[in-house]
Protein backbone atom coordinates (compact mmCIF):
# COMPACT_ATOMS: atom_id res chain seq x y z
CA UNK A 1 0.00 0.00 0.00
CA UNK A 2 1.40 3.40 -1.00
CA UNK A 3 0.20 6.64 0.51
CA UNK A 4 0.11 9.31 -2.21
CA UNK A 5 -0.11 12.76 -0.61
CA UNK A 6 -0.90 15.98 -2.39
CA UNK A 7 2.47 17.50 -3.31
CA UNK A 8 3.53 20.79 -1.75
CA UNK A 9 4.39 23.72 -3.96
CA UNK A 10 8.06 22.76 -3.51
CA UNK A 11 7.28 19.48 -5.26
CA UNK A 12 9.17 17.08 -2.98
CA UNK A 13 8.19 13.98 -1.05
CA UNK A 14 9.83 12.07 1.77
CA UNK A 15 9.60 8.39 0.88
CA UNK A 16 9.96 5.42 3.23
CA UNK A 17 10.44 2.18 1.24
CA UNK A 18 9.47 -1.13 2.83
CA UNK A 19 12.37 -3.42 3.66
CA UNK A 20 10.27 -6.53 3.06
CA UNK A 21 7.68 -5.82 0.36
CA UNK A 22 8.96 -4.52 -2.95
CA UNK A 23 6.87 -1.60 -4.17
CA UNK A 24 5.41 -0.83 -0.76
CA UNK A 25 6.19 2.62 0.59
CA UNK A 26 4.86 5.54 2.57
CA UNK A 27 5.39 9.01 1.10
CA UNK A 28 4.72 12.44 2.56
CA UNK A 29 4.97 15.96 1.13
CA UNK A 30 8.09 17.78 2.29
CA UNK A 31 10.51 20.53 1.40
CA UNK A 32 13.85 20.03 -0.37
CA UNK A 33 15.54 19.20 2.96
CA UNK A 34 13.00 16.48 3.82
CA UNK A 35 11.13 18.47 6.46
CA UNK A 36 7.48 17.39 6.74
CA UNK A 37 4.86 19.82 8.05
CA UNK A 38 2.90 17.73 10.56
CA UNK A 39 0.18 20.39 10.68
CA UNK A 40 -0.44 19.96 6.94
CA UNK A 41 -1.03 16.19 7.24
CA UNK A 42 -4.34 14.50 7.93
CA UNK A 43 -4.61 12.59 11.20
CA UNK A 44 -4.08 9.27 9.42
CA UNK A 45 -1.11 10.54 7.40
CA UNK A 46 0.43 11.99 10.58
CA UNK A 47 0.05 8.61 12.33
CA UNK A 48 1.60 6.82 9.34
CA UNK A 49 4.49 9.30 9.23
CA UNK A 50 5.26 8.92 12.93
CA UNK A 51 5.01 5.13 12.62
CA UNK A 52 7.35 5.03 9.62
CA UNK A 53 9.92 7.17 11.46
CA UNK A 54 9.73 4.88 14.49
CA UNK A 55 10.39 1.70 12.52
CA UNK A 56 13.19 2.86 10.20
CA UNK A 57 15.66 0.01 10.01
CA UNK A 58 13.09 -2.57 11.11
CA UNK A 59 10.19 -2.22 8.62
CA UNK A 60 11.18 0.74 6.43
CA UNK A 61 14.46 1.92 4.93
CA UNK A 62 15.97 5.28 5.77
CA UNK A 63 13.75 7.81 3.98
CA UNK A 64 14.82 9.59 0.82
CA UNK A 65 13.73 12.94 -0.58
CA UNK A 66 12.39 12.76 -4.12
CA UNK A 67 11.25 15.49 -6.46
CA UNK A 68 7.65 14.88 -7.47
CA UNK A 69 6.88 14.63 -11.15
C-alpha atoms as a PDB file:
ATOM      1  CA  UNK A   1       0.000   0.000   0.000  1.00  0.00           C
ATOM      2  CA  UNK A   2       1.403   3.396  -0.998  1.00  0.00           C
ATOM      3  CA  UNK A   3       0.202   6.642   0.506  1.00  0.00           C
ATOM      4  CA  UNK A   4       0.110   9.307  -2.206  1.00  0.00           C
ATOM      5  CA  UNK A   5      -0.112  12.756  -0.608  1.00  0.00           C
ATOM      6  CA  UNK A   6      -0.901  15.979  -2.393  1.00  0.00           C
ATOM      7  CA  UNK A   7       2.471  17.498  -3.307  1.00  0.00           C
ATOM      8  CA  UNK A   8       3.535  20.789  -1.753  1.00  0.00           C
ATOM      9  CA  UNK A   9       4.394  23.717  -3.961  1.00  0.00           C
ATOM     10  CA  UNK A  10       8.065  22.756  -3.506  1.00  0.00           C
ATOM     11  CA  UNK A  11       7.282  19.478  -5.257  1.00  0.00           C
ATOM     12  CA  UNK A  12       9.172  17.079  -2.985  1.00  0.00           C
ATOM     13  CA  UNK A  13       8.194  13.976  -1.046  1.00  0.00           C
ATOM     14  CA  UNK A  14       9.833  12.067   1.775  1.00  0.00           C
ATOM     15  CA  UNK A  15       9.597   8.386   0.878  1.00  0.00           C
ATOM     16  CA  UNK A  16       9.963   5.425   3.231  1.00  0.00           C
ATOM     17  CA  UNK A  17      10.436   2.178   1.239  1.00  0.00           C
ATOM     18  CA  UNK A  18       9.466  -1.134   2.833  1.00  0.00           C
ATOM     19  CA  UNK A  19      12.372  -3.416   3.660  1.00  0.00           C
ATOM     20  CA  UNK A  20      10.266  -6.528   3.065  1.00  0.00           C
ATOM     21  CA  UNK A  21       7.685  -5.820   0.358  1.00  0.00           C
ATOM     22  CA  UNK A  22       8.960  -4.516  -2.947  1.00  0.00           C
ATOM     23  CA  UNK A  23       6.873  -1.605  -4.166  1.00  0.00           C
ATOM     24  CA  UNK A  24       5.408  -0.829  -0.760  1.00  0.00           C
ATOM     25  CA  UNK A  25       6.191   2.616   0.591  1.00  0.00           C
ATOM     26  CA  UNK A  26       4.856   5.537   2.573  1.00  0.00           C
ATOM     27  CA  UNK A  27       5.389   9.005   1.105  1.00  0.00           C
ATOM     28  CA  UNK A  28       4.718  12.443   2.557  1.00  0.00           C
ATOM     29  CA  UNK A  29       4.974  15.965   1.135  1.00  0.00           C
ATOM     30  CA  UNK A  30       8.091  17.776   2.292  1.00  0.00           C
ATOM     31  CA  UNK A  31      10.515  20.532   1.397  1.00  0.00           C
ATOM     32  CA  UNK A  32      13.849  20.034  -0.368  1.00  0.00           C
ATOM     33  CA  UNK A  33      15.542  19.201   2.961  1.00  0.00           C
ATOM     34  CA  UNK A  34      12.999  16.484   3.818  1.00  0.00           C
ATOM     35  CA  UNK A  35      11.130  18.471   6.461  1.00  0.00           C
ATOM     36  CA  UNK A  36       7.485  17.393   6.744  1.00  0.00           C
ATOM     37  CA  UNK A  37       4.862  19.822   8.055  1.00  0.00           C
ATOM     38  CA  UNK A  38       2.899  17.732  10.560  1.00  0.00           C
ATOM     39  CA  UNK A  39       0.178  20.394  10.684  1.00  0.00           C
ATOM     40  CA  UNK A  40      -0.441  19.963   6.944  1.00  0.00           C
ATOM     41  CA  UNK A  41      -1.026  16.193   7.243  1.00  0.00           C
ATOM     42  CA  UNK A  42      -4.339  14.500   7.926  1.00  0.00           C
ATOM     43  CA  UNK A  43      -4.607  12.585  11.197  1.00  0.00           C
ATOM     44  CA  UNK A  44      -4.078   9.268   9.421  1.00  0.00           C
ATOM     45  CA  UNK A  45      -1.115  10.542   7.402  1.00  0.00           C
ATOM     46  CA  UNK A  46       0.430  11.990  10.581  1.00  0.00           C
ATOM     47  CA  UNK A  47       0.051   8.607  12.331  1.00  0.00           C
ATOM     48  CA  UNK A  48       1.603   6.819   9.335  1.00  0.00           C
ATOM     49  CA  UNK A  49       4.489   9.302   9.227  1.00  0.00           C
ATOM     50  CA  UNK A  50       5.263   8.918  12.928  1.00  0.00           C
ATOM     51  CA  UNK A  51       5.010   5.131  12.625  1.00  0.00           C
ATOM     52  CA  UNK A  52       7.352   5.035   9.618  1.00  0.00           C
ATOM     53  CA  UNK A  53       9.916   7.171  11.458  1.00  0.00           C
ATOM     54  CA  UNK A  54       9.733   4.883  14.486  1.00  0.00           C
ATOM     55  CA  UNK A  55      10.392   1.695  12.519  1.00  0.00           C
ATOM     56  CA  UNK A  56      13.188   2.857  10.201  1.00  0.00           C
ATOM     57  CA  UNK A  57      15.657   0.011  10.006  1.00  0.00           C
ATOM     58  CA  UNK A  58      13.088  -2.566  11.108  1.00  0.00           C
ATOM     59  CA  UNK A  59      10.195  -2.219   8.623  1.00  0.00           C
ATOM     60  CA  UNK A  60      11.185   0.736   6.431  1.00  0.00           C
ATOM     61  CA  UNK A  61      14.464   1.923   4.929  1.00  0.00           C
ATOM     62  CA  UNK A  62      15.972   5.283   5.766  1.00  0.00           C
ATOM     63  CA  UNK A  63      13.750   7.814   3.984  1.00  0.00           C
ATOM     64  CA  UNK A  64      14.821   9.586   0.823  1.00  0.00           C
ATOM     65  CA  UNK A  65      13.734  12.935  -0.575  1.00  0.00           C
ATOM     66  CA  UNK A  66      12.391  12.755  -4.122  1.00  0.00           C
ATOM     67  CA  UNK A  67      11.253  15.489  -6.462  1.00  0.00           C
ATOM     68  CA  UNK A  68       7.648  14.879  -7.468  1.00  0.00           C
ATOM     69  CA  UNK A  69       6.885  14.626 -11.149  1.00  0.00           C
END
